Amino acid sequence: MVNEKFMLVSLDDERAKSLAEVLGNKTCKKIIEHLAENKDASEKDLSVSLKIPLNTIEYNLKKLLKSGFVEKKKNFFWSKKGKKILMYELTNRSIVISPKKSLGDKVKSILPSLILLFSGTFAIWAYQRIQIQTQRSAEYFASPSEATSNLMEAGMQNLDQVFNYSPDPIWLWFFSGGLIAILIFSIVNWRKL
């Protein structure tokens, strides 16, 4: 028994063709309806109940198995003549048919999160920059008499270093973490993108 809850089928996939054949086939629809009403059935049960020849049931069950609508049950039983009798049931999955996505479409689907990451990183960078400059200005220009002596001591060369000093680039950590999170999410959900 398959544990997947969804079966994603692209329009270019071979399974899409078999799904279309099954949905257009009256016998397949009857088999699906019978299996929906009854939990499971063998080929002979379906043949007797639906009054359809056994070879027609067998042919249509192969189509249904290939399309993913029906699956063989794990349990089976033996006939009086020693033949293995398989039981069939409907799969408990939703079938989603979607157009094929190119690599560009998949990248476009993560583009909003990348834009949000860049915007957040810039905001943190700007905030940290303002905080550092405010703090440094307060330290060097605490009073007008100290400002002149501080400027002369530091010199014009060191003034640029004072204002561009960043003790811990938080924005870099935010950007790296966000990029890693987007990468992991993209890898895990690549088929769904």
N, C-alpha and C. Protein backbone atom coordinates (compact mmCIF):
# COMPACT_ATOMS: atom_id res chain seq x y z
N MET A 1 0.84 -1.18 0.00
CA MET A 1 0.00 0.00 0.00
C MET A 1 0.88 1.24 0.00
N VAL A 2 0.57 2.20 -0.82
CA VAL A 2 1.37 3.40 -0.96
C VAL A 2 0.96 4.41 0.11
N ASN A 3 1.94 5.06 0.74
CA ASN A 3 1.66 5.99 1.83
C ASN A 3 1.55 7.43 1.37
N GLU A 4 1.87 7.73 0.12
CA GLU A 4 1.79 9.10 -0.37
C GLU A 4 0.34 9.56 -0.40
N LYS A 5 0.10 10.78 0.05
CA LYS A 5 -1.26 11.31 0.04
C LYS A 5 -1.61 11.93 -1.30
N PHE A 6 -0.59 12.37 -2.04
CA PHE A 6 -0.82 13.01 -3.33
C PHE A 6 0.05 12.36 -4.39
N MET A 7 -0.46 12.34 -5.60
CA MET A 7 0.33 11.90 -6.73
C MET A 7 0.34 13.07 -7.71
N LEU A 8 1.48 13.71 -7.86
CA LEU A 8 1.61 14.86 -8.75
C LEU A 8 1.99 14.37 -10.14
N VAL A 9 1.18 14.70 -11.13
CA VAL A 9 1.40 14.24 -12.49
C VAL A 9 1.50 15.46 -13.40
N SER A 10 2.58 15.53 -14.13
CA SER A 10 2.76 16.61 -15.11
C SER A 10 2.00 16.26 -16.38
N LEU A 11 1.63 17.26 -17.14
CA LEU A 11 0.93 17.01 -18.41
C LEU A 11 1.81 16.25 -19.40
N ASP A 12 3.12 16.38 -19.26
CA ASP A 12 4.05 15.68 -20.15
C ASP A 12 4.33 14.25 -19.69
N ASP A 13 3.88 13.89 -18.51
CA ASP A 13 4.12 12.58 -17.93
C ASP A 13 3.28 11.52 -18.64
N GLU A 14 3.82 10.31 -18.75
CA GLU A 14 3.11 9.20 -19.37
C GLU A 14 1.87 8.82 -18.56
N ARG A 15 1.92 9.03 -17.25
CA ARG A 15 0.78 8.69 -16.40
C ARG A 15 -0.43 9.57 -16.72
N ALA A 16 -0.21 10.79 -17.20
CA ALA A 16 -1.33 11.68 -17.54
C ALA A 16 -2.16 11.06 -18.68
N LYS A 17 -1.48 10.41 -19.61
CA LYS A 17 -2.18 9.76 -20.72
C LYS A 17 -3.01 8.59 -20.20
N SER A 18 -2.43 7.80 -19.30
CA SER A 18 -3.18 6.65 -18.76
C SER A 18 -4.35 7.13 -17.89
N LEU A 19 -4.17 8.25 -17.18
CA LEU A 19 -5.28 8.81 -16.40
C LEU A 19 -6.43 9.24 -17.32
N ALA A 20 -6.09 9.86 -18.43
CA ALA A 20 -7.12 10.30 -19.38
C ALA A 20 -7.86 9.10 -19.97
N GLU A 21 -7.12 8.04 -20.29
CA GLU A 21 -7.76 6.83 -20.82
C GLU A 21 -8.72 6.23 -19.80
N VAL A 22 -8.31 6.17 -18.55
CA VAL A 22 -9.13 5.59 -17.50
C VAL A 22 -10.39 6.41 -17.28
N LEU A 23 -10.24 7.73 -17.23
CA LEU A 23 -11.39 8.59 -16.96
C LEU A 23 -12.40 8.59 -18.12
N GLY A 24 -11.95 8.24 -19.31
CA GLY A 24 -12.84 8.18 -20.46
C GLY A 24 -13.41 6.79 -20.72
N ASN A 25 -13.01 5.80 -19.93
CA ASN A 25 -13.42 4.42 -20.14
C ASN A 25 -14.58 4.06 -19.20
N LYS A 26 -15.71 3.61 -19.76
CA LYS A 26 -16.90 3.29 -18.97
C LYS A 26 -16.65 2.12 -18.02
N THR A 27 -15.93 1.12 -18.49
CA THR A 27 -15.68 -0.06 -17.66
C THR A 27 -14.80 0.32 -16.46
N CYS A 28 -13.79 1.13 -16.70
CA CYS A 28 -12.92 1.58 -15.60
C CYS A 28 -13.72 2.37 -14.57
N LYS A 29 -14.62 3.22 -15.04
CA LYS A 29 -15.45 3.99 -14.13
C LYS A 29 -16.33 3.07 -13.28
N LYS A 30 -16.88 2.02 -13.90
CA LYS A 30 -17.71 1.07 -13.15
C LYS A 30 -16.89 0.36 -12.08
N ILE A 31 -15.67 -0.02 -12.44
CA ILE A 31 -14.78 -0.69 -11.47
C ILE A 31 -14.47 0.24 -10.30
N ILE A 32 -14.17 1.50 -10.62
CA ILE A 32 -13.87 2.49 -9.57
C ILE A 32 -15.08 2.67 -8.66
N GLU A 33 -16.27 2.80 -9.24
CA GLU A 33 -17.48 2.97 -8.44
C GLU A 33 -17.72 1.76 -7.54
N HIS A 34 -17.51 0.55 -8.08
CA HIS A 34 -17.70 -0.67 -7.29
C HIS A 34 -16.71 -0.72 -6.13
N LEU A 35 -15.45 -0.39 -6.40
CA LEU A 35 -14.44 -0.41 -5.33
C LEU A 35 -14.67 0.71 -4.31
N ALA A 36 -15.29 1.80 -4.74
CA ALA A 36 -15.61 2.88 -3.80
C ALA A 36 -16.71 2.44 -2.83
N GLU A 37 -17.67 1.66 -3.33
CA GLU A 37 -18.77 1.19 -2.49
C GLU A 37 -18.35 0.01 -1.61
N ASN A 38 -17.51 -0.86 -2.15
CA ASN A 38 -17.01 -2.04 -1.43
C ASN A 38 -15.55 -1.79 -1.12
N LYS A 39 -15.08 -2.27 -0.02
CA LYS A 39 -13.70 -2.01 0.39
C LYS A 39 -12.68 -2.58 -0.59
N ASP A 40 -12.90 -3.81 -1.01
CA ASP A 40 -11.99 -4.46 -1.95
C ASP A 40 -12.75 -5.51 -2.74
N ALA A 41 -12.11 -6.02 -3.78
CA ALA A 41 -12.74 -7.06 -4.62
C ALA A 41 -11.67 -7.75 -5.44
N SER A 42 -11.96 -8.99 -5.80
CA SER A 42 -11.07 -9.74 -6.71
C SER A 42 -11.57 -9.53 -8.13
N GLU A 43 -10.82 -10.04 -9.11
CA GLU A 43 -11.25 -9.92 -10.50
C GLU A 43 -12.59 -10.63 -10.70
N LYS A 44 -12.71 -11.82 -10.11
CA LYS A 44 -13.95 -12.59 -10.26
C LYS A 44 -15.13 -11.87 -9.59
N ASP A 45 -14.91 -11.29 -8.40
CA ASP A 45 -15.98 -10.54 -7.73
C ASP A 45 -16.47 -9.40 -8.62
N LEU A 46 -15.53 -8.69 -9.22
CA LEU A 46 -15.89 -7.57 -10.11
C LEU A 46 -16.64 -8.06 -11.33
N SER A 47 -16.18 -9.17 -11.91
CA SER A 47 -16.82 -9.73 -13.10
C SER A 47 -18.26 -10.14 -12.81
N VAL A 48 -18.49 -10.82 -11.70
CA VAL A 48 -19.82 -11.28 -11.35
C VAL A 48 -20.72 -10.09 -11.00
N SER A 49 -20.22 -9.18 -10.18
CA SER A 49 -21.02 -8.06 -9.71
C SER A 49 -21.39 -7.10 -10.83
N LEU A 50 -20.43 -6.83 -11.72
CA LEU A 50 -20.67 -5.85 -12.79
C LEU A 50 -21.20 -6.49 -14.08
N LYS A 51 -21.24 -7.84 -14.11
CA LYS A 51 -21.69 -8.59 -15.30
C LYS A 51 -20.86 -8.22 -16.53
N ILE A 52 -19.55 -8.26 -16.33
CA ILE A 52 -18.58 -7.95 -17.39
C ILE A 52 -17.65 -9.15 -17.51
N PRO A 53 -17.26 -9.57 -18.72
CA PRO A 53 -16.37 -10.73 -18.87
C PRO A 53 -15.06 -10.54 -18.08
N LEU A 54 -14.54 -11.66 -17.57
CA LEU A 54 -13.35 -11.65 -16.73
C LEU A 54 -12.14 -11.06 -17.46
N ASN A 55 -11.96 -11.36 -18.74
CA ASN A 55 -10.80 -10.81 -19.47
C ASN A 55 -10.89 -9.29 -19.64
N THR A 56 -12.13 -8.76 -19.74
CA THR A 56 -12.31 -7.31 -19.82
C THR A 56 -11.96 -6.66 -18.49
N ILE A 57 -12.38 -7.31 -17.40
CA ILE A 57 -12.05 -6.80 -16.05
C ILE A 57 -10.53 -6.80 -15.87
N GLU A 58 -9.89 -7.90 -16.25
CA GLU A 58 -8.42 -8.01 -16.10
C GLU A 58 -7.71 -6.91 -16.89
N TYR A 59 -8.14 -6.68 -18.13
CA TYR A 59 -7.54 -5.65 -18.99
C TYR A 59 -7.69 -4.25 -18.37
N ASN A 60 -8.89 -3.95 -17.87
CA ASN A 60 -9.15 -2.62 -17.30
C ASN A 60 -8.48 -2.44 -15.94
N LEU A 61 -8.34 -3.51 -15.17
CA LEU A 61 -7.62 -3.41 -13.90
C LEU A 61 -6.15 -3.06 -14.14
N LYS A 62 -5.57 -3.59 -15.21
CA LYS A 62 -4.17 -3.25 -15.54
C LYS A 62 -4.06 -1.75 -15.83
N LYS A 63 -5.03 -1.20 -16.54
CA LYS A 63 -5.04 0.24 -16.82
C LYS A 63 -5.16 1.04 -15.52
N LEU A 64 -6.05 0.59 -14.65
CA LEU A 64 -6.27 1.29 -13.38
C LEU A 64 -5.04 1.20 -12.48
N LEU A 65 -4.35 0.07 -12.49
CA LEU A 65 -3.11 -0.07 -11.71
C LEU A 65 -2.04 0.87 -12.24
N LYS A 66 -1.91 0.93 -13.56
CA LYS A 66 -0.90 1.78 -14.19
C LYS A 66 -1.16 3.26 -13.91
N SER A 67 -2.43 3.65 -13.90
CA SER A 67 -2.78 5.06 -13.68
C SER A 67 -2.65 5.48 -12.22
N GLY A 68 -2.72 4.51 -11.31
CA GLY A 68 -2.59 4.85 -9.89
C GLY A 68 -3.91 4.97 -9.16
N PHE A 69 -5.03 4.70 -9.83
CA PHE A 69 -6.33 4.75 -9.17
C PHE A 69 -6.55 3.55 -8.25
N VAL A 70 -6.04 2.39 -8.67
CA VAL A 70 -6.27 1.14 -7.95
C VAL A 70 -4.92 0.53 -7.61
N GLU A 71 -4.90 -0.23 -6.50
CA GLU A 71 -3.68 -0.95 -6.12
C GLU A 71 -4.04 -2.33 -5.61
N LYS A 72 -3.05 -3.22 -5.68
CA LYS A 72 -3.24 -4.57 -5.16
C LYS A 72 -3.09 -4.53 -3.65
N LYS A 73 -3.95 -5.25 -2.97
CA LYS A 73 -3.84 -5.35 -1.52
C LYS A 73 -2.73 -6.34 -1.17
N LYS A 74 -2.18 -6.18 0.00
CA LYS A 74 -1.12 -7.09 0.43
C LYS A 74 -1.68 -8.48 0.75
N ASN A 75 -2.89 -8.50 1.28
CA ASN A 75 -3.46 -9.81 1.59
C ASN A 75 -4.13 -10.42 0.36
N PHE A 76 -4.10 -11.71 0.29
CA PHE A 76 -4.69 -12.45 -0.81
C PHE A 76 -5.17 -13.78 -0.24
N PHE A 77 -5.84 -14.56 -1.07
CA PHE A 77 -6.23 -15.90 -0.63
C PHE A 77 -6.08 -16.87 -1.79
N TRP A 78 -6.19 -18.16 -1.49
CA TRP A 78 -6.00 -19.21 -2.49
C TRP A 78 -7.36 -19.79 -2.86
N SER A 79 -7.51 -20.07 -4.15
CA SER A 79 -8.76 -20.71 -4.60
C SER A 79 -8.72 -22.21 -4.28
N LYS A 80 -9.84 -22.90 -4.53
CA LYS A 80 -9.91 -24.35 -4.28
C LYS A 80 -8.93 -25.11 -5.18
N LYS A 81 -8.63 -24.52 -6.33
CA LYS A 81 -7.71 -25.18 -7.27
C LYS A 81 -6.25 -24.81 -7.01
N GLY A 82 -5.99 -23.99 -5.99
CA GLY A 82 -4.62 -23.62 -5.65
C GLY A 82 -4.10 -22.39 -6.37
N LYS A 83 -5.00 -21.61 -6.94
CA LYS A 83 -4.59 -20.39 -7.65
C LYS A 83 -4.63 -19.20 -6.68
N LYS A 84 -3.60 -18.36 -6.76
CA LYS A 84 -3.51 -17.18 -5.91
C LYS A 84 -4.52 -16.13 -6.41
N ILE A 85 -5.40 -15.68 -5.53
CA ILE A 85 -6.41 -14.69 -5.90
C ILE A 85 -6.07 -13.37 -5.24
N LEU A 86 -5.78 -12.38 -6.07
CA LEU A 86 -5.42 -11.04 -5.58
C LEU A 86 -6.67 -10.22 -5.33
N MET A 87 -6.55 -9.33 -4.37
CA MET A 87 -7.63 -8.42 -4.05
C MET A 87 -7.19 -7.00 -4.45
N TYR A 88 -8.12 -6.21 -4.94
CA TYR A 88 -7.84 -4.85 -5.41
C TYR A 88 -8.64 -3.84 -4.59
N GLU A 89 -8.07 -2.66 -4.42
CA GLU A 89 -8.74 -1.58 -3.70
C GLU A 89 -8.35 -0.25 -4.33
N LEU A 90 -9.14 0.78 -4.04
CA LEU A 90 -8.82 2.13 -4.50
C LEU A 90 -7.65 2.67 -3.68
N THR A 91 -6.82 3.45 -4.31
CA THR A 91 -5.74 4.09 -3.57
C THR A 91 -6.32 5.25 -2.79
N ASN A 92 -5.72 5.54 -1.67
CA ASN A 92 -6.19 6.64 -0.83
C ASN A 92 -5.33 7.86 -1.10
N ARG A 93 -5.28 8.27 -2.36
CA ARG A 93 -4.45 9.42 -2.76
C ARG A 93 -5.25 10.37 -3.62
N SER A 94 -4.87 11.61 -3.55
CA SER A 94 -5.42 12.61 -4.47
C SER A 94 -4.46 12.71 -5.64
N ILE A 95 -5.01 12.80 -6.82
CA ILE A 95 -4.18 12.91 -8.02
C ILE A 95 -4.24 14.34 -8.49
N VAL A 96 -3.07 14.98 -8.58
CA VAL A 96 -2.97 16.38 -8.98
C VAL A 96 -2.28 16.42 -10.34
N ILE A 97 -2.96 16.99 -11.32
CA ILE A 97 -2.39 17.13 -12.66
C ILE A 97 -2.00 18.58 -12.83
N SER A 98 -0.74 18.81 -13.16
CA SER A 98 -0.26 20.19 -13.30
C SER A 98 0.65 20.29 -14.51
N PRO A 99 0.76 21.50 -15.05
CA PRO A 99 1.70 21.68 -16.15
C PRO A 99 3.13 21.54 -15.65
N LYS A 100 4.00 21.14 -16.54
CA LYS A 100 5.40 20.94 -16.18
C LYS A 100 6.03 22.30 -15.89
N LYS A 101 6.79 22.37 -14.81
CA LYS A 101 7.46 23.62 -14.45
C LYS A 101 8.92 23.55 -14.88
N SER A 102 9.37 24.61 -15.47
CA SER A 102 10.77 24.68 -15.87
C SER A 102 11.61 25.13 -14.68
N LEU A 103 12.90 25.09 -14.84
CA LEU A 103 13.80 25.52 -13.78
C LEU A 103 13.58 27.00 -13.46
N GLY A 104 13.32 27.79 -14.49
CA GLY A 104 13.05 29.21 -14.30
C GLY A 104 11.81 29.46 -13.46
N ASP A 105 10.76 28.65 -13.68
CA ASP A 105 9.53 28.79 -12.90
C ASP A 105 9.77 28.44 -11.43
N LYS A 106 10.60 27.42 -11.19
CA LYS A 106 10.90 27.02 -9.82
C LYS A 106 11.70 28.11 -9.11
N VAL A 107 12.65 28.73 -9.83
CA VAL A 107 13.44 29.82 -9.24
C VAL A 107 12.54 31.02 -8.96
N LYS A 108 11.61 31.29 -9.87
CA LYS A 108 10.68 32.41 -9.68
C LYS A 108 9.81 32.20 -8.44
N SER A 109 9.52 30.94 -8.11
CA SER A 109 8.67 30.69 -6.94
C SER A 109 9.39 31.01 -5.63
N ILE A 110 10.73 31.01 -5.61
CA ILE A 110 11.45 31.38 -4.38
C ILE A 110 11.93 32.83 -4.42
N LEU A 111 11.69 33.52 -5.54
CA LEU A 111 12.12 34.91 -5.69
C LEU A 111 11.54 35.84 -4.62
N PRO A 112 10.25 35.73 -4.26
CA PRO A 112 9.74 36.62 -3.20
C PRO A 112 10.49 36.46 -1.87
N SER A 113 10.84 35.24 -1.52
CA SER A 113 11.57 35.05 -0.26
C SER A 113 12.98 35.62 -0.35
N LEU A 114 13.60 35.58 -1.53
CA LEU A 114 14.92 36.19 -1.70
C LEU A 114 14.83 37.71 -1.59
N ILE A 115 13.80 38.30 -2.18
CA ILE A 115 13.62 39.75 -2.09
C ILE A 115 13.39 40.16 -0.64
N LEU A 116 12.58 39.38 0.07
CA LEU A 116 12.34 39.66 1.49
C LEU A 116 13.63 39.53 2.29
N LEU A 117 14.45 38.55 1.98
CA LEU A 117 15.73 38.37 2.67
C LEU A 117 16.65 39.56 2.42
N PHE A 118 16.77 40.01 1.17
CA PHE A 118 17.62 41.16 0.86
C PHE A 118 17.10 42.43 1.55
N SER A 119 15.79 42.62 1.56
CA SER A 119 15.22 43.80 2.21
C SER A 119 15.49 43.78 3.71
N GLY A 120 15.28 42.64 4.34
CA GLY A 120 15.54 42.50 5.77
C GLY A 120 17.01 42.71 6.10
N THR A 121 17.89 42.16 5.26
CA THR A 121 19.33 42.33 5.48
C THR A 121 19.73 43.79 5.36
N PHE A 122 19.20 44.49 4.35
CA PHE A 122 19.52 45.91 4.19
C PHE A 122 19.02 46.72 5.38
N ALA A 123 17.81 46.40 5.86
CA ALA A 123 17.25 47.12 7.01
C ALA A 123 18.12 46.92 8.25
N ILE A 124 18.56 45.69 8.48
CA ILE A 124 19.42 45.42 9.64
C ILE A 124 20.77 46.10 9.48
N TRP A 125 21.33 46.07 8.27
CA TRP A 125 22.61 46.73 8.00
C TRP A 125 22.50 48.23 8.28
N ALA A 126 21.43 48.86 7.76
CA ALA A 126 21.24 50.31 7.95
C ALA A 126 21.03 50.64 9.43
N TYR A 127 20.23 49.85 10.12
CA TYR A 127 19.98 50.09 11.54
C TYR A 127 21.28 49.96 12.35
N GLN A 128 22.05 48.93 12.05
CA GLN A 128 23.31 48.73 12.78
C GLN A 128 24.28 49.87 12.48
N ARG A 129 24.31 50.31 11.28
CA ARG A 129 25.20 51.41 10.87
C ARG A 129 24.84 52.70 11.61
N ILE A 130 23.54 52.99 11.69
CA ILE A 130 23.08 54.19 12.39
C ILE A 130 23.42 54.09 13.87
N GLN A 131 23.20 52.94 14.46
CA GLN A 131 23.50 52.74 15.88
C GLN A 131 24.98 52.97 16.17
N ILE A 132 25.85 52.40 15.34
CA ILE A 132 27.29 52.53 15.56
C ILE A 132 27.73 53.97 15.39
N GLN A 133 27.25 54.64 14.36
CA GLN A 133 27.64 56.03 14.13
C GLN A 133 27.13 56.94 15.24
N THR A 134 25.94 56.69 15.72
CA THR A 134 25.41 57.48 16.82
C THR A 134 26.26 57.29 18.08
N GLN A 135 26.61 56.04 18.33
CA GLN A 135 27.42 55.73 19.52
C GLN A 135 28.80 56.36 19.41
N ARG A 136 29.42 56.26 18.27
CA ARG A 136 30.76 56.83 18.07
C ARG A 136 30.74 58.35 18.14
N SER A 137 29.69 58.93 17.56
CA SER A 137 29.57 60.39 17.60
C SER A 137 29.43 60.86 19.03
N ALA A 138 28.64 60.15 19.81
CA ALA A 138 28.45 60.52 21.21
C ALA A 138 29.76 60.39 21.99
N GLU A 139 30.56 59.40 21.67
CA GLU A 139 31.83 59.20 22.37
C GLU A 139 32.85 60.30 22.02
N TYR A 140 32.95 60.64 20.75
CA TYR A 140 33.98 61.59 20.31
C TYR A 140 33.57 63.05 20.45
N PHE A 141 32.28 63.30 20.41
CA PHE A 141 31.82 64.68 20.47
C PHE A 141 30.94 64.90 21.71
N ALA A 142 31.37 64.40 22.83
CA ALA A 142 30.61 64.51 24.07
C ALA A 142 30.44 65.97 24.48
N SER A 143 31.50 66.77 24.36
CA SER A 143 31.40 68.19 24.65
C SER A 143 32.21 68.97 23.62
N PRO A 144 31.88 70.25 23.36
CA PRO A 144 32.58 71.01 22.33
C PRO A 144 34.09 71.12 22.58
N SER A 145 34.51 71.20 23.79
CA SER A 145 35.96 71.34 24.06
C SER A 145 36.68 70.02 23.78
N GLU A 146 36.01 68.89 24.06
CA GLU A 146 36.63 67.59 23.79
C GLU A 146 36.64 67.28 22.30
N ALA A 147 35.67 67.79 21.55
CA ALA A 147 35.56 67.50 20.13
C ALA A 147 36.80 67.93 19.38
N THR A 148 37.30 69.14 19.67
CA THR A 148 38.48 69.65 18.96
C THR A 148 39.70 68.82 19.30
N SER A 149 39.88 68.50 20.55
CA SER A 149 41.05 67.71 20.93
C SER A 149 40.96 66.29 20.40
N ASN A 150 39.75 65.71 20.38
CA ASN A 150 39.57 64.36 19.85
C ASN A 150 39.87 64.30 18.36
N LEU A 151 39.42 65.32 17.61
CA LEU A 151 39.69 65.35 16.18
C LEU A 151 41.18 65.46 15.91
N MET A 152 41.86 66.29 16.64
CA MET A 152 43.29 66.45 16.42
C MET A 152 44.05 65.19 16.79
N GLU A 153 43.63 64.54 17.86
CA GLU A 153 44.30 63.31 18.28
C GLU A 153 44.08 62.19 17.26
N ALA A 154 42.88 62.04 16.82
CA ALA A 154 42.56 60.94 15.92
C ALA A 154 43.13 61.18 14.53
N GLY A 155 43.16 62.43 14.13
CA GLY A 155 43.64 62.74 12.79
C GLY A 155 42.57 62.44 11.77
N MET A 156 42.70 63.04 10.63
CA MET A 156 41.70 62.85 9.59
C MET A 156 41.71 61.43 9.03
N GLN A 157 42.86 60.76 9.07
CA GLN A 157 42.94 59.37 8.57
C GLN A 157 42.15 58.43 9.46
N ASN A 158 42.29 58.60 10.76
CA ASN A 158 41.63 57.70 11.69
C ASN A 158 40.14 57.98 11.83
N LEU A 159 39.69 59.17 11.45
CA LEU A 159 38.28 59.51 11.58
C LEU A 159 37.41 58.58 10.73
N ASP A 160 37.88 58.27 9.52
CA ASP A 160 37.13 57.36 8.64
C ASP A 160 37.05 55.97 9.27
N GLN A 161 38.11 55.50 9.90
CA GLN A 161 38.11 54.19 10.56
C GLN A 161 37.16 54.18 11.75
N VAL A 162 37.08 55.29 12.46
CA VAL A 162 36.21 55.37 13.63
C VAL A 162 34.75 55.20 13.22
N PHE A 163 34.33 55.88 12.15
CA PHE A 163 32.93 55.82 11.75
C PHE A 163 32.55 54.55 11.00
N ASN A 164 33.48 53.84 10.43
CA ASN A 164 33.19 52.62 9.68
C ASN A 164 33.46 51.36 10.48
N TYR A 165 33.82 51.50 11.73
CA TYR A 165 34.11 50.35 12.57
C TYR A 165 32.81 49.63 12.91
N SER A 166 32.79 48.30 12.73
CA SER A 166 31.62 47.49 13.05
C SER A 166 32.08 46.31 13.88
N PRO A 167 31.71 46.27 15.17
CA PRO A 167 32.19 45.20 16.03
C PRO A 167 31.64 43.82 15.66
N ASP A 168 30.37 43.71 15.28
CA ASP A 168 29.76 42.43 14.97
C ASP A 168 28.74 42.62 13.84
N PRO A 169 29.05 42.17 12.65
CA PRO A 169 28.12 42.38 11.53
C PRO A 169 26.89 41.46 11.63
N ILE A 170 25.88 41.91 12.36
CA ILE A 170 24.66 41.12 12.56
C ILE A 170 23.97 40.87 11.23
N TRP A 171 24.02 41.86 10.34
CA TRP A 171 23.37 41.71 9.04
C TRP A 171 23.94 40.53 8.25
N LEU A 172 25.25 40.30 8.41
CA LEU A 172 25.89 39.19 7.70
C LEU A 172 25.38 37.85 8.22
N TRP A 173 25.20 37.74 9.54
CA TRP A 173 24.66 36.52 10.13
C TRP A 173 23.20 36.31 9.69
N PHE A 174 22.43 37.38 9.67
CA PHE A 174 21.03 37.30 9.25
C PHE A 174 20.94 36.84 7.79
N PHE A 175 21.76 37.44 6.93
CA PHE A 175 21.76 37.09 5.51
C PHE A 175 22.17 35.64 5.30
N SER A 176 23.24 35.21 5.97
CA SER A 176 23.72 33.83 5.83
C SER A 176 22.68 32.83 6.30
N GLY A 177 22.09 33.09 7.46
CA GLY A 177 21.06 32.19 7.98
C GLY A 177 19.84 32.12 7.08
N GLY A 178 19.39 33.26 6.58
CA GLY A 178 18.25 33.29 5.68
C GLY A 178 18.52 32.56 4.38
N LEU A 179 19.71 32.75 3.84
CA LEU A 179 20.08 32.08 2.60
C LEU A 179 20.14 30.56 2.79
N ILE A 180 20.69 30.13 3.90
CA ILE A 180 20.75 28.69 4.18
C ILE A 180 19.34 28.12 4.36
N ALA A 181 18.47 28.85 5.05
CA ALA A 181 17.09 28.39 5.24
C ALA A 181 16.36 28.27 3.91
N ILE A 182 16.51 29.24 3.02
CA ILE A 182 15.87 29.19 1.70
C ILE A 182 16.42 28.03 0.89
N LEU A 183 17.72 27.82 0.96
CA LEU A 183 18.35 26.71 0.24
C LEU A 183 17.82 25.36 0.72
N ILE A 184 17.76 25.17 2.04
CA ILE A 184 17.26 23.90 2.59
C ILE A 184 15.79 23.70 2.22
N PHE A 185 14.99 24.76 2.35
CA PHE A 185 13.57 24.66 1.99
C PHE A 185 13.42 24.31 0.51
N SER A 186 14.23 24.90 -0.36
CA SER A 186 14.15 24.64 -1.80
C SER A 186 14.53 23.20 -2.12
N ILE A 187 15.55 22.68 -1.46
CA ILE A 187 15.98 21.31 -1.72
C ILE A 187 14.92 20.32 -1.25
N VAL A 188 14.37 20.55 -0.06
CA VAL A 188 13.37 19.63 0.49
C VAL A 188 12.09 19.65 -0.34
N ASN A 189 11.68 20.82 -0.79
CA ASN A 189 10.42 20.96 -1.52
C ASN A 189 10.58 21.17 -3.03
N TRP A 190 11.67 20.68 -3.62
CA TRP A 190 11.96 20.95 -5.03
C TRP A 190 10.83 20.50 -5.95
N ARG A 191 10.23 19.35 -5.69
CA ARG A 191 9.17 18.85 -6.57
C ARG A 191 7.90 19.67 -6.45
N LYS A 192 7.67 20.24 -5.27
CA LYS A 192 6.45 21.02 -5.06
C LYS A 192 6.56 22.44 -5.58
N LEU A 193 7.77 22.94 -5.79
CA LEU A 193 7.95 24.32 -6.25
C LEU A 193 7.45 24.50 -7.65
